[in-house]
Amino acid sequence: MGRKQNEATKVVWRDRVARFDGSDVTVKQFCQQEGVSEAAFYQWRKRLKGDRRRRKATGEPPRARVNTTEPFVPVTVPTTPFAEVEFPNGVRVRVPATHADALRVAIKMGDDVCREVG
């Protein structure tokens, strides 16, 4: 439990220090706004700077920076690819291309319709 709590605290302080770096207030003003002591701020900033140096020395990849300017991260969800079968009478059937059984039935029906017409 202690390790998880320590990691969660690190995340909070990493975010806090990043917000300070992007601000134009003094450490004293920032700490008052955040409700933390200046001593704790300086201690955590030093500790986190040491973590960056250690990661750099060991070749560990940098941690992702938290985007503090946007409340949400834009997410795009790719649409499901569809296969479309058009029958000679103009009727179109769309099925998810990832659904093999539906795709098989649509192609079979299209083939049957084409044989009847031809």
PDB file of N, CA and C in Angstrom:
ATOM      1  N   MET A   1       0.839  -1.202   0.000  1.00  0.00           N
ATOM      2  CA  MET A   1       0.000   0.000   0.000  1.00  0.00           C
ATOM      3  C   MET A   1       0.875   1.252   0.000  1.00  0.00           C
ATOM      4  N   GLY A   2       1.980   1.221   0.742  1.00  0.00           N
ATOM      5  CA  GLY A   2       2.847   2.379   0.845  1.00  0.00           C
ATOM      6  C   GLY A   2       3.429   2.783  -0.491  1.00  0.00           C
ATOM      7  N   ARG A   3       3.830   1.800  -1.301  1.00  0.00           N
ATOM      8  CA  ARG A   3       4.429   2.105  -2.602  1.00  0.00           C
ATOM      9  C   ARG A   3       3.413   2.757  -3.536  1.00  0.00           C
ATOM     10  N   LYS A   4       2.188   2.227  -3.554  1.00  0.00           N
ATOM     11  CA  LYS A   4       1.136   2.821  -4.392  1.00  0.00           C
ATOM     12  C   LYS A   4       0.859   4.258  -3.958  1.00  0.00           C
ATOM     13  N   GLN A   5       0.788   4.452  -2.661  1.00  0.00           N
ATOM     14  CA  GLN A   5       0.520   5.779  -2.133  1.00  0.00           C
ATOM     15  C   GLN A   5       1.653   6.731  -2.496  1.00  0.00           C
ATOM     16  N   ASN A   6       2.902   6.249  -2.410  1.00  0.00           N
ATOM     17  CA  ASN A   6       4.057   7.059  -2.757  1.00  0.00           C
ATOM     18  C   ASN A   6       4.017   7.428  -4.239  1.00  0.00           C
ATOM     19  N   GLU A   7       3.679   6.469  -5.102  1.00  0.00           N
ATOM     20  CA  GLU A   7       3.593   6.748  -6.545  1.00  0.00           C
ATOM     21  C   GLU A   7       2.473   7.749  -6.836  1.00  0.00           C
ATOM     22  N   ALA A   8       1.351   7.614  -6.162  1.00  0.00           N
ATOM     23  CA  ALA A   8       0.246   8.553  -6.355  1.00  0.00           C
ATOM     24  C   ALA A   8       0.661   9.951  -5.906  1.00  0.00           C
ATOM     25  N   THR A   9       1.380  10.027  -4.800  1.00  0.00           N
ATOM     26  CA  THR A   9       1.858  11.321  -4.314  1.00  0.00           C
ATOM     27  C   THR A   9       2.841  11.924  -5.299  1.00  0.00           C
ATOM     28  N   LYS A  10       3.714  11.085  -5.871  1.00  0.00           N
ATOM     29  CA  LYS A  10       4.662  11.575  -6.878  1.00  0.00           C
ATOM     30  C   LYS A  10       3.928  12.161  -8.081  1.00  0.00           C
ATOM     31  N   VAL A  11       2.887  11.490  -8.510  1.00  0.00           N
ATOM     32  CA  VAL A  11       2.115  11.972  -9.661  1.00  0.00           C
ATOM     33  C   VAL A  11       1.507  13.338  -9.348  1.00  0.00           C
ATOM     34  N   VAL A  12       0.951  13.473  -8.155  1.00  0.00           N
ATOM     35  CA  VAL A  12       0.352  14.750  -7.744  1.00  0.00           C
ATOM     36  C   VAL A  12       1.401  15.847  -7.741  1.00  0.00           C
ATOM     37  N   TRP A  13       2.560  15.552  -7.160  1.00  0.00           N
ATOM     38  CA  TRP A  13       3.599  16.574  -7.089  1.00  0.00           C
ATOM     39  C   TRP A  13       4.227  16.849  -8.449  1.00  0.00           C
ATOM     40  N   ARG A  14       4.359  15.837  -9.290  1.00  0.00           N
ATOM     41  CA  ARG A  14       4.896  16.052 -10.639  1.00  0.00           C
ATOM     42  C   ARG A  14       3.980  17.001 -11.402  1.00  0.00           C
ATOM     43  N   ASP A  15       2.686  16.779 -11.271  1.00  0.00           N
ATOM     44  CA  ASP A  15       1.705  17.650 -11.919  1.00  0.00           C
ATOM     45  C   ASP A  15       1.766  19.057 -11.334  1.00  0.00           C
ATOM     46  N   ARG A  16       1.897  19.126 -10.027  1.00  0.00           N
ATOM     47  CA  ARG A  16       1.946  20.424  -9.337  1.00  0.00           C
ATOM     48  C   ARG A  16       3.171  21.228  -9.791  1.00  0.00           C
ATOM     49  N   VAL A  17       4.329  20.585  -9.834  1.00  0.00           N
ATOM     50  CA  VAL A  17       5.553  21.278 -10.252  1.00  0.00           C
ATOM     51  C   VAL A  17       5.441  21.711 -11.717  1.00  0.00           C
ATOM     52  N   ALA A  18       4.850  20.870 -12.553  1.00  0.00           N
ATOM     53  CA  ALA A  18       4.661  21.242 -13.965  1.00  0.00           C
ATOM     54  C   ALA A  18       3.742  22.459 -14.078  1.00  0.00           C
ATOM     55  N   ARG A  19       2.693  22.501 -13.259  1.00  0.00           N
ATOM     56  CA  ARG A  19       1.791  23.664 -13.278  1.00  0.00           C
ATOM     57  C   ARG A  19       2.536  24.919 -12.837  1.00  0.00           C
ATOM     58  N   PHE A  20       3.396  24.780 -11.823  1.00  0.00           N
ATOM     59  CA  PHE A  20       4.174  25.932 -11.382  1.00  0.00           C
ATOM     60  C   PHE A  20       5.093  26.412 -12.506  1.00  0.00           C
ATOM     61  N   ASP A  21       5.769  25.463 -13.161  1.00  0.00           N
ATOM     62  CA  ASP A  21       6.683  25.831 -14.248  1.00  0.00           C
ATOM     63  C   ASP A  21       5.967  26.603 -15.351  1.00  0.00           C
ATOM     64  N   GLY A  22       4.691  26.319 -15.544  1.00  0.00           N
ATOM     65  CA  GLY A  22       3.926  27.011 -16.581  1.00  0.00           C
ATOM     66  C   GLY A  22       3.232  28.268 -16.086  1.00  0.00           C
ATOM     67  N   SER A  23       3.445  28.625 -14.840  1.00  0.00           N
ATOM     68  CA  SER A  23       2.765  29.794 -14.281  1.00  0.00           C
ATOM     69  C   SER A  23       3.715  30.982 -14.215  1.00  0.00           C
ATOM     70  N   ASP A  24       3.167  32.135 -13.879  1.00  0.00           N
ATOM     71  CA  ASP A  24       4.001  33.338 -13.746  1.00  0.00           C
ATOM     72  C   ASP A  24       3.893  33.929 -12.338  1.00  0.00           C
ATOM     73  N   VAL A  25       3.719  33.041 -11.350  1.00  0.00           N
ATOM     74  CA  VAL A  25       3.622  33.482  -9.952  1.00  0.00           C
ATOM     75  C   VAL A  25       4.865  33.032  -9.200  1.00  0.00           C
ATOM     76  N   THR A  26       5.069  33.606  -8.045  1.00  0.00           N
ATOM     77  CA  THR A  26       6.198  33.212  -7.211  1.00  0.00           C
ATOM     78  C   THR A  26       5.895  31.884  -6.532  1.00  0.00           C
ATOM     79  N   VAL A  27       6.937  31.248  -6.003  1.00  0.00           N
ATOM     80  CA  VAL A  27       6.755  29.995  -5.280  1.00  0.00           C
ATOM     81  C   VAL A  27       5.818  30.216  -4.095  1.00  0.00           C
ATOM     82  N   LYS A  28       6.005  31.316  -3.394  1.00  0.00           N
ATOM     83  CA  LYS A  28       5.169  31.611  -2.232  1.00  0.00           C
ATOM     84  C   LYS A  28       3.695  31.719  -2.634  1.00  0.00           C
ATOM     85  N   GLN A  29       3.416  32.472  -3.704  1.00  0.00           N
ATOM     86  CA  GLN A  29       2.029  32.627  -4.169  1.00  0.00           C
ATOM     87  C   GLN A  29       1.456  31.283  -4.613  1.00  0.00           C
ATOM     88  N   PHE A  30       2.247  30.539  -5.347  1.00  0.00           N
ATOM     89  CA  PHE A  30       1.786  29.246  -5.857  1.00  0.00           C
ATOM     90  C   PHE A  30       1.454  28.297  -4.706  1.00  0.00           C
ATOM     91  N   CYS A  31       2.347  28.236  -3.721  1.00  0.00           N
ATOM     92  CA  CYS A  31       2.124  27.345  -2.583  1.00  0.00           C
ATOM     93  C   CYS A  31       0.879  27.741  -1.790  1.00  0.00           C
ATOM     94  N   GLN A  32       0.632  29.049  -1.663  1.00  0.00           N
ATOM     95  CA  GLN A  32      -0.588  29.501  -0.993  1.00  0.00           C
ATOM     96  C   GLN A  32      -1.819  29.056  -1.770  1.00  0.00           C
ATOM     97  N   GLN A  33      -1.766  29.185  -3.104  1.00  0.00           N
ATOM     98  CA  GLN A  33      -2.895  28.774  -3.950  1.00  0.00           C
ATOM     99  C   GLN A  33      -3.148  27.266  -3.834  1.00  0.00           C
ATOM    100  N   GLU A  34      -2.055  26.500  -3.752  1.00  0.00           N
ATOM    101  CA  GLU A  34      -2.164  25.037  -3.701  1.00  0.00           C
ATOM    102  C   GLU A  34      -2.425  24.507  -2.299  1.00  0.00           C
ATOM    103  N   GLY A  35      -2.181  25.348  -1.296  1.00  0.00           N
ATOM    104  CA  GLY A  35      -2.372  24.907   0.086  1.00  0.00           C
ATOM    105  C   GLY A  35      -1.270  23.974   0.560  1.00  0.00           C
ATOM    106  N   VAL A  36      -0.035  24.207   0.084  1.00  0.00           N
ATOM    107  CA  VAL A  36       1.108  23.393   0.502  1.00  0.00           C
ATOM    108  C   VAL A  36       2.196  24.316   1.033  1.00  0.00           C
ATOM    109  N   SER A  37       3.106  23.762   1.794  1.00  0.00           N
ATOM    110  CA  SER A  37       4.189  24.585   2.329  1.00  0.00           C
ATOM    111  C   SER A  37       5.279  24.770   1.278  1.00  0.00           C
ATOM    112  N   GLU A  38       6.002  25.868   1.411  1.00  0.00           N
ATOM    113  CA  GLU A  38       7.116  26.125   0.507  1.00  0.00           C
ATOM    114  C   GLU A  38       8.192  25.062   0.676  1.00  0.00           C
ATOM    115  N   ALA A  39       8.409  24.644   1.918  1.00  0.00           N
ATOM    116  CA  ALA A  39       9.423  23.619   2.184  1.00  0.00           C
ATOM    117  C   ALA A  39       9.090  22.324   1.436  1.00  0.00           C
ATOM    118  N   ALA A  40       7.824  21.931   1.494  1.00  0.00           N
ATOM    119  CA  ALA A  40       7.405  20.711   0.788  1.00  0.00           C
ATOM    120  C   ALA A  40       7.581  20.890  -0.717  1.00  0.00           C
ATOM    121  N   PHE A  41       7.227  22.063  -1.225  1.00  0.00           N
ATOM    122  CA  PHE A  41       7.372  22.326  -2.653  1.00  0.00           C
ATOM    123  C   PHE A  41       8.833  22.161  -3.072  1.00  0.00           C
ATOM    124  N   TYR A  42       9.751  22.825  -2.372  1.00  0.00           N
ATOM    125  CA  TYR A  42      11.171  22.746  -2.732  1.00  0.00           C
ATOM    126  C   TYR A  42      11.705  21.315  -2.598  1.00  0.00           C
ATOM    127  N   GLN A  43      11.255  20.612  -1.558  1.00  0.00           N
ATOM    128  CA  GLN A  43      11.696  19.232  -1.356  1.00  0.00           C
ATOM    129  C   GLN A  43      11.255  18.349  -2.519  1.00  0.00           C
ATOM    130  N   TRP A  44       9.979  18.469  -2.909  1.00  0.00           N
ATOM    131  CA  TRP A  44       9.470  17.643  -3.997  1.00  0.00           C
ATOM    132  C   TRP A  44      10.080  18.031  -5.339  1.00  0.00           C
ATOM    133  N   ARG A  45      10.292  19.301  -5.572  1.00  0.00           N
ATOM    134  CA  ARG A  45      10.900  19.726  -6.832  1.00  0.00           C
ATOM    135  C   ARG A  45      12.310  19.143  -6.955  1.00  0.00           C
ATOM    136  N   LYS A  46      13.051  19.164  -5.856  1.00  0.00           N
ATOM    137  CA  LYS A  46      14.400  18.605  -5.847  1.00  0.00           C
ATOM    138  C   LYS A  46      14.355  17.089  -6.071  1.00  0.00           C
ATOM    139  N   ARG A  47      13.430  16.419  -5.376  1.00  0.00           N
ATOM    140  CA  ARG A  47      13.300  14.961  -5.506  1.00  0.00           C
ATOM    141  C   ARG A  47      12.943  14.568  -6.943  1.00  0.00           C
ATOM    142  N   LEU A  48      12.000  15.282  -7.536  1.00  0.00           N
ATOM    143  CA  LEU A  48      11.577  14.957  -8.895  1.00  0.00           C
ATOM    144  C   LEU A  48      12.670  15.263  -9.914  1.00  0.00           C
ATOM    145  N   LYS A  49      13.451  16.306  -9.668  1.00  0.00           N
ATOM    146  CA  LYS A  49      14.575  16.627 -10.540  1.00  0.00           C
ATOM    147  C   LYS A  49      15.606  15.503 -10.475  1.00  0.00           C
ATOM    148  N   GLY A  50      15.816  14.958  -9.291  1.00  0.00           N
ATOM    149  CA  GLY A  50      16.721  13.819  -9.122  1.00  0.00           C
ATOM    150  C   GLY A  50      16.229  12.595  -9.872  1.00  0.00           C
ATOM    151  N   ASP A  51      14.910  12.378  -9.874  1.00  0.00           N
ATOM    152  CA  ASP A  51      14.332  11.259 -10.627  1.00  0.00           C
ATOM    153  C   ASP A  51      14.614  11.416 -12.117  1.00  0.00           C
ATOM    154  N   ARG A  52      14.493  12.649 -12.629  1.00  0.00           N
ATOM    155  CA  ARG A  52      14.753  12.892 -14.059  1.00  0.00           C
ATOM    156  C   ARG A  52      16.209  12.591 -14.389  1.00  0.00           C
ATOM    157  N   ARG A  53      17.102  13.040 -13.513  1.00  0.00           N
ATOM    158  CA  ARG A  53      18.535  12.779 -13.743  1.00  0.00           C
ATOM    159  C   ARG A  53      18.819  11.283 -13.737  1.00  0.00           C
ATOM    160  N   ARG A  54      18.228  10.569 -12.777  1.00  0.00           N
ATOM    161  CA  ARG A  54      18.442   9.125 -12.680  1.00  0.00           C
ATOM    162  C   ARG A  54      17.938   8.427 -13.935  1.00  0.00           C
ATOM    163  N   ARG A  55      16.741   8.797 -14.402  1.00  0.00           N
ATOM    164  CA  ARG A  55      16.189   8.183 -15.613  1.00  0.00           C
ATOM    165  C   ARG A  55      17.083   8.462 -16.813  1.00  0.00           C
ATOM    166  N   LYS A  56      17.587   9.687 -16.883  1.00  0.00           N
ATOM    167  CA  LYS A  56      18.453  10.058 -17.997  1.00  0.00           C
ATOM    168  C   LYS A  56      19.744   9.242 -17.955  1.00  0.00           C
ATOM    169  N   ALA A  57      20.326   9.085 -16.767  1.00  0.00           N
ATOM    170  CA  ALA A  57      21.584   8.351 -16.613  1.00  0.00           C
ATOM    171  C   ALA A  57      21.417   6.867 -16.921  1.00  0.00           C
ATOM    172  N   THR A  58      20.257   6.303 -16.581  1.00  0.00           N
ATOM    173  CA  THR A  58      20.035   4.872 -16.798  1.00  0.00           C
ATOM    174  C   THR A  58      19.413   4.574 -18.153  1.00  0.00           C
ATOM    175  N   GLY A  59      19.077   5.618 -18.908  1.00  0.00           N
ATOM    176  CA  GLY A  59      18.476   5.412 -20.223  1.00  0.00           C
ATOM    177  C   GLY A  59      16.987   5.125 -20.178  1.00  0.00           C
ATOM    178  N   GLU A  60      16.394   5.265 -19.006  1.00  0.00           N
ATOM    179  CA  GLU A  60      14.954   5.044 -18.866  1.00  0.00           C
ATOM    180  C   GLU A  60      14.221   6.162 -19.611  1.00  0.00           C
ATOM    181  N   PRO A  61      13.165   5.828 -20.373  1.00  0.00           N
ATOM    182  CA  PRO A  61      12.463   6.868 -21.120  1.00  0.00           C
ATOM    183  C   PRO A  61      11.809   7.887 -20.196  1.00  0.00           C
ATOM    184  N   PRO A  62      11.705   9.138 -20.637  1.00  0.00           N
ATOM    185  CA  PRO A  62      11.064  10.154 -19.801  1.00  0.00           C
ATOM    186  C   PRO A  62       9.590   9.854 -19.605  1.00  0.00           C
ATOM    187  N   ARG A  63       9.086  10.313 -18.489  1.00  0.00           N
ATOM    188  CA  ARG A  63       7.663  10.135 -18.218  1.00  0.00           C
ATOM    189  C   ARG A  63       6.862  11.116 -19.059  1.00  0.00           C
ATOM    190  N   ALA A  64       5.657  10.709 -19.401  1.00  0.00           N
ATOM    191  CA  ALA A  64       4.796  11.591 -20.185  1.00  0.00           C
ATOM    192  C   ALA A  64       4.447  12.813 -19.362  1.00  0.00           C
ATOM    193  N   ARG A  65       4.482  13.963 -19.991  1.00  0.00           N
ATOM    194  CA  ARG A  65       4.127  15.196 -19.291  1.00  0.00           C
ATOM    195  C   ARG A  65       2.610  15.317 -19.237  1.00  0.00           C
ATOM    196  N   VAL A  66       2.142  15.828 -18.167  1.00  0.00           N
ATOM    197  CA  VAL A  66       0.712  16.029 -17.993  1.00  0.00           C
ATOM    198  C   VAL A  66       0.344  17.355 -18.637  1.00  0.00           C
ATOM    199  N   ASN A  67      -0.660  17.320 -19.507  1.00  0.00           N
ATOM    200  CA  ASN A  67      -1.121  18.542 -20.151  1.00  0.00           C
ATOM    201  C   ASN A  67      -2.066  19.236 -19.186  1.00  0.00           C
ATOM    202  N   THR A  68      -1.606  20.351 -18.642  1.00  0.00           N
ATOM    203  CA  THR A  68      -2.405  21.021 -17.626  1.00  0.00           C
ATOM    204  C   THR A  68      -3.243  22.157 -18.195  1.00  0.00           C
ATOM    205  N   THR A  69      -3.112  22.445 -19.481  1.00  0.00           N
ATOM    206  CA  THR A  69      -3.881  23.540 -20.057  1.00  0.00           C
ATOM    207  C   THR A  69      -5.251  23.085 -20.535  1.00  0.00           C
ATOM    208  N   GLU A  70      -5.393  21.821 -20.868  1.00  0.00           N
ATOM    209  CA  GLU A  70      -6.669  21.303 -21.343  1.00  0.00           C
ATOM    210  C   GLU A  70      -7.246  20.341 -20.314  1.00  0.00           C
ATOM    211  N   PRO A  71      -8.535  20.462 -19.999  1.00  0.00           N
ATOM    212  CA  PRO A  71      -9.106  19.553 -19.014  1.00  0.00           C
ATOM    213  C   PRO A  71      -9.301  18.141 -19.553  1.00  0.00           C
ATOM    214  N   PHE A  72      -9.397  17.987 -20.876  1.00  0.00           N
ATOM    215  CA  PHE A  72      -9.616  16.677 -21.480  1.00  0.00           C
ATOM    216  C   PHE A  72      -8.628  16.469 -22.614  1.00  0.00           C
ATOM    217  N   VAL A  73      -8.301  15.239 -22.863  1.00  0.00           N
ATOM    218  CA  VAL A  73      -7.436  14.894 -23.973  1.00  0.00           C
ATOM    219  C   VAL A  73      -8.333  14.474 -25.132  1.00  0.00           C
ATOM    220  N   PRO A  74      -8.128  15.060 -26.321  1.00  0.00           N
ATOM    221  CA  PRO A  74      -8.977  14.658 -27.445  1.00  0.00           C
ATOM    222  C   PRO A  74      -8.737  13.195 -27.799  1.00  0.00           C
ATOM    223  N   VAL A  75      -9.812  12.488 -28.040  1.00  0.00           N
ATOM    224  CA  VAL A  75      -9.729  11.077 -28.388  1.00  0.00           C
ATOM    225  C   VAL A  75     -10.470  10.864 -29.692  1.00  0.00           C
ATOM    226  N   THR A  76      -9.842  10.144 -30.598  1.00  0.00           N
ATOM    227  CA  THR A  76     -10.533   9.780 -31.831  1.00  0.00           C
ATOM    228  C   THR A  76     -10.710   8.278 -31.846  1.00  0.00           C
ATOM    229  N   VAL A  77     -11.887   7.859 -32.188  1.00  0.00           N
ATOM    230  CA  VAL A  77     -12.188   6.439 -32.247  1.00  0.00           C
ATOM    231  C   VAL A  77     -12.378   6.083 -33.711  1.00  0.00           C
ATOM    232  N   PRO A  78     -11.539   5.202 -34.216  1.00  0.00           N
ATOM    233  CA  PRO A  78     -11.692   4.849 -35.626  1.00  0.00           C
ATOM    234  C   PRO A  78     -13.013   4.135 -35.852  1.00  0.00           C
ATOM    235  N   THR A  79     -13.636   4.450 -36.952  1.00  0.00           N
ATOM    236  CA  THR A  79     -14.905   3.798 -37.267  1.00  0.00           C
ATOM    237  C   THR A  79     -14.632   2.385 -37.749  1.00  0.00           C
ATOM    238  N   THR A  80     -15.591   1.546 -37.545  1.00  0.00           N
ATOM    239  CA  THR A  80     -15.469   0.165 -37.987  1.00  0.00           C
ATOM    240  C   THR A  80     -15.524   0.135 -39.504  1.00  0.00           C
ATOM    241  N   PRO A  81     -14.576  -0.529 -40.142  1.00  0.00           N
ATOM    242  CA  PRO A  81     -14.625  -0.622 -41.604  1.00  0.00           C
ATOM    243  C   PRO A  81     -15.806  -1.488 -42.030  1.00  0.00           C
ATOM    244  N   PHE A  82     -16.483  -1.041 -43.059  1.00  0.00           N
ATOM    245  CA  PHE A  82     -17.631  -1.776 -43.565  1.00  0.00           C
ATOM    246  C   PHE A  82     -17.342  -2.316 -44.957  1.00  0.00           C
ATOM    247  N   ALA A  83     -17.949  -3.433 -45.245  1.00  0.00           N
ATOM    248  CA  ALA A  83     -17.956  -3.973 -46.610  1.00  0.00           C
ATOM    249  C   ALA A  83     -19.369  -3.745 -47.131  1.00  0.00           C
ATOM    250  N   GLU A  84     -19.461  -3.324 -48.360  1.00  0.00           N
ATOM    251  CA  GLU A  84     -20.770  -3.036 -48.933  1.00  0.00           C
ATOM    252  C   GLU A  84     -20.969  -3.898 -50.173  1.00  0.00           C
ATOM    253  N   VAL A  85     -22.104  -4.582 -50.224  1.00  0.00           N
ATOM    254  CA  VAL A  85     -22.463  -5.410 -51.381  1.00  0.00           C
ATOM    255  C   VAL A  85     -23.657  -4.741 -52.043  1.00  0.00           C
ATOM    256  N   GLU A  86     -23.509  -4.437 -53.335  1.00  0.00           N
ATOM    257  CA  GLU A  86     -24.621  -3.814 -54.076  1.00  0.00           C
ATOM    258  C   GLU A  86     -25.207  -4.852 -55.029  1.00  0.00           C
ATOM    259  N   PHE A  87     -26.517  -5.068 -54.900  1.00  0.00           N
ATOM    260  CA  PHE A  87     -27.206  -6.036 -55.743  1.00  0.00           C
ATOM    261  C   PHE A  87     -27.612  -5.374 -57.058  1.00  0.00           C
ATOM    262  N   PRO A  88     -27.845  -6.192 -58.109  1.00  0.00           N
ATOM    263  CA  PRO A  88     -28.225  -5.630 -59.413  1.00  0.00           C
ATOM    264  C   PRO A  88     -29.497  -4.770 -59.359  1.00  0.00           C
ATOM    265  N   ASN A  89     -30.386  -5.020 -58.379  1.00  0.00           N
ATOM    266  CA  ASN A  89     -31.613  -4.221 -58.271  1.00  0.00           C
ATOM    267  C   ASN A  89     -31.379  -2.909 -57.516  1.00  0.00           C
ATOM    268  N   GLY A  90     -30.104  -2.621 -57.152  1.00  0.00           N
ATOM    269  CA  GLY A  90     -29.774  -1.361 -56.494  1.00  0.00           C
ATOM    270  C   GLY A  90     -29.724  -1.435 -54.972  1.00  0.00           C
ATOM    271  N   VAL A  91     -30.148  -2.517 -54.409  1.00  0.00           N
ATOM    272  CA  VAL A  91     -30.125  -2.667 -52.964  1.00  0.00           C
ATOM    273  C   VAL A  91     -28.672  -2.862 -52.516  1.00  0.00           C
ATOM    274  N   ARG A  92     -28.326  -2.145 -51.462  1.00  0.00           N
ATOM    275  CA  ARG A  92     -26.975  -2.258 -50.901  1.00  0.00           C
ATOM    276  C   ARG A  92     -27.068  -2.837 -49.497  1.00  0.00           C
ATOM    277  N   VAL A  93     -26.145  -3.697 -49.205  1.00  0.00           N
ATOM    278  CA  VAL A  93     -26.057  -4.280 -47.867  1.00  0.00           C
ATOM    279  C   VAL A  93     -24.677  -3.940 -47.321  1.00  0.00           C
ATOM    280  N   ARG A  94     -24.672  -3.297 -46.150  1.00  0.00           N
ATOM    281  CA  ARG A  94     -23.408  -2.962 -45.485  1.00  0.00           C
ATOM    282  C   ARG A  94     -23.267  -3.831 -44.258  1.00  0.00           C
ATOM    283  N   VAL A  95     -22.104  -4.438 -44.119  1.00  0.00           N
ATOM    284  CA  VAL A  95     -21.828  -5.265 -42.950  1.00  0.00           C
ATOM    285  C   VAL A  95     -20.447  -4.903 -42.426  1.00  0.00           C
ATOM    286  N   PRO A  96     -20.236  -5.046 -41.128  1.00  0.00           N
ATOM    287  CA  PRO A  96     -18.901  -4.777 -40.600  1.00  0.00           C
ATOM    288  C   PRO A  96     -17.886  -5.724 -41.243  1.00  0.00           C
ATOM    289  N   ALA A  97     -16.819  -5.177 -41.769  1.00  0.00           N
ATOM    290  CA  ALA A  97     -15.807  -5.996 -42.440  1.00  0.00           C
ATOM    291  C   ALA A  97     -15.132  -6.950 -41.467  1.00  0.00           C
ATOM    292  N   THR A  98     -15.205  -6.641 -40.188  1.00  0.00           N
ATOM    293  CA  THR A  98     -14.572  -7.498 -39.190  1.00  0.00           C
ATOM    294  C   THR A  98     -15.484  -8.640 -38.736  1.00  0.00           C
ATOM    295  N   HIS A  99     -16.723  -8.644 -39.189  1.00  0.00           N
ATOM    296  CA  HIS A  99     -17.674  -9.685 -38.803  1.00  0.00           C
ATOM    297  C   HIS A  99     -17.721 -10.706 -39.944  1.00  0.00           C
ATOM    298  N   ALA A 100     -16.899 -11.733 -39.846  1.00  0.00           N
ATOM    299  CA  ALA A 100     -16.709 -12.690 -40.939  1.00  0.00           C
ATOM    300  C   ALA A 100     -17.998 -13.376 -41.368  1.00  0.00           C
ATOM    301  N   ASP A 101     -18.841 -13.794 -40.417  1.00  0.00           N
ATOM    302  CA  ASP A 101     -20.076 -14.500 -40.782  1.00  0.00           C
ATOM    303  C   ASP A 101     -21.021 -13.599 -41.562  1.00  0.00           C
ATOM    304  N   ALA A 102     -21.199 -12.362 -41.113  1.00  0.00           N
ATOM    305  CA  ALA A 102     -22.089 -11.438 -41.822  1.00  0.00           C
ATOM    306  C   ALA A 102     -21.541 -11.135 -43.212  1.00  0.00           C
ATOM    307  N   LEU A 103     -20.250 -10.976 -43.318  1.00  0.00           N
ATOM    308  CA  LEU A 103     -19.623 -10.707 -44.605  1.00  0.00           C
ATOM    309  C   LEU A 103     -19.809 -11.899 -45.548  1.00  0.00           C
ATOM    310  N   ARG A 104     -19.625 -13.098 -45.024  1.00  0.00           N
ATOM    311  CA  ARG A 104     -19.803 -14.317 -45.821  1.00  0.00           C
ATOM    312  C   ARG A 104     -21.236 -14.424 -46.331  1.00  0.00           C
ATOM    313  N   VAL A 105     -22.218 -14.177 -45.494  1.00  0.00           N
ATOM    314  CA  VAL A 105     -23.627 -14.250 -45.895  1.00  0.00           C
ATOM    315  C   VAL A 105     -23.939 -13.193 -46.958  1.00  0.00           C
ATOM    316  N   ALA A 106     -23.437 -11.969 -46.789  1.00  0.00           N
ATOM    317  CA  ALA A 106     -23.705 -10.904 -47.764  1.00  0.00           C
ATOM    318  C   ALA A 106     -23.112 -11.259 -49.126  1.00  0.00           C
ATOM    319  N   ILE A 107     -21.902 -11.792 -49.151  1.00  0.00           N
ATOM    320  CA  ILE A 107     -21.277 -12.166 -50.428  1.00  0.00           C
ATOM    321  C   ILE A 107     -22.026 -13.332 -51.064  1.00  0.00           C
ATOM    322  N   LYS A 108     -22.413 -14.308 -50.264  1.00  0.00           N
ATOM    323  CA  LYS A 108     -23.163 -15.465 -50.780  1.00  0.00           C
ATOM    324  C   LYS A 108     -24.488 -15.022 -51.371  1.00  0.00           C
ATOM    325  N   MET A 109     -25.201 -14.139 -50.672  1.00  0.00           N
ATOM    326  CA  MET A 109     -26.496 -13.656 -51.179  1.00  0.00           C
ATOM    327  C   MET A 109     -26.285 -12.856 -52.470  1.00  0.00           C
ATOM    328  N   GLY A 110     -25.252 -12.020 -52.490  1.00  0.00           N
ATOM    329  CA  GLY A 110     -24.955 -11.259 -53.700  1.00  0.00           C
ATOM    330  C   GLY A 110     -24.670 -12.183 -54.874  1.00  0.00           C
ATOM    331  N   ASP A 111     -23.925 -13.256 -54.631  1.00  0.00           N
ATOM    332  CA  ASP A 111     -23.616 -14.219 -55.665  1.00  0.00           C
ATOM    333  C   ASP A 111     -24.896 -14.909 -56.154  1.00  0.00           C
ATOM    334  N   ASP A 112     -25.768 -15.300 -55.198  1.00  0.00           N
ATOM    335  CA  ASP A 112     -27.028 -15.971 -55.567  1.00  0.00           C
ATOM    336  C   ASP A 112     -27.903 -15.040 -56.411  1.00  0.00           C
ATOM    337  N   VAL A 113     -28.006 -13.763 -56.039  1.00  0.00           N
ATOM    338  CA  VAL A 113     -28.824 -12.812 -56.774  1.00  0.00           C
ATOM    339  C   VAL A 113     -28.263 -12.613 -58.182  1.00  0.00           C
ATOM    340  N   CYS A 114     -26.973 -12.494 -58.294  1.00  0.00           N
ATOM    341  CA  CYS A 114     -26.342 -12.303 -59.611  1.00  0.00           C
ATOM    342  C   CYS A 114     -26.584 -13.508 -60.516  1.00  0.00           C
ATOM    343  N   ARG A 115     -26.566 -14.713 -59.968  1.00  0.00           N
ATOM    344  CA  ARG A 115     -26.801 -15.921 -60.763  1.00  0.00           C
ATOM    345  C   ARG A 115     -28.246 -15.972 -61.254  1.00  0.00           C
ATOM    346  N   GLU A 116     -29.184 -15.512 -60.414  1.00  0.00           N
ATOM    347  CA  GLU A 116     -30.605 -15.525 -60.804  1.00  0.00           C
ATOM    348  C   GLU A 116     -30.862 -14.519 -61.918  1.00  0.00           C
ATOM    349  N   VAL A 117     -30.219 -13.364 -61.851  1.00  0.00           N
ATOM    350  CA  VAL A 117     -30.440 -12.288 -62.821  1.00  0.00           C
ATOM    351  C   VAL A 117     -29.755 -12.650 -64.146  1.00  0.00           C
ATOM    352  N   GLY A 118     -28.549 -13.213 -64.085  1.00  0.00           N
ATOM    353  CA  GLY A 118     -27.724 -13.463 -65.259  1.00  0.00           C
ATOM    354  C   GLY A 118     -28.112 -14.636 -66.013  1.00  0.00           C
TER     355      GLY A 118
END
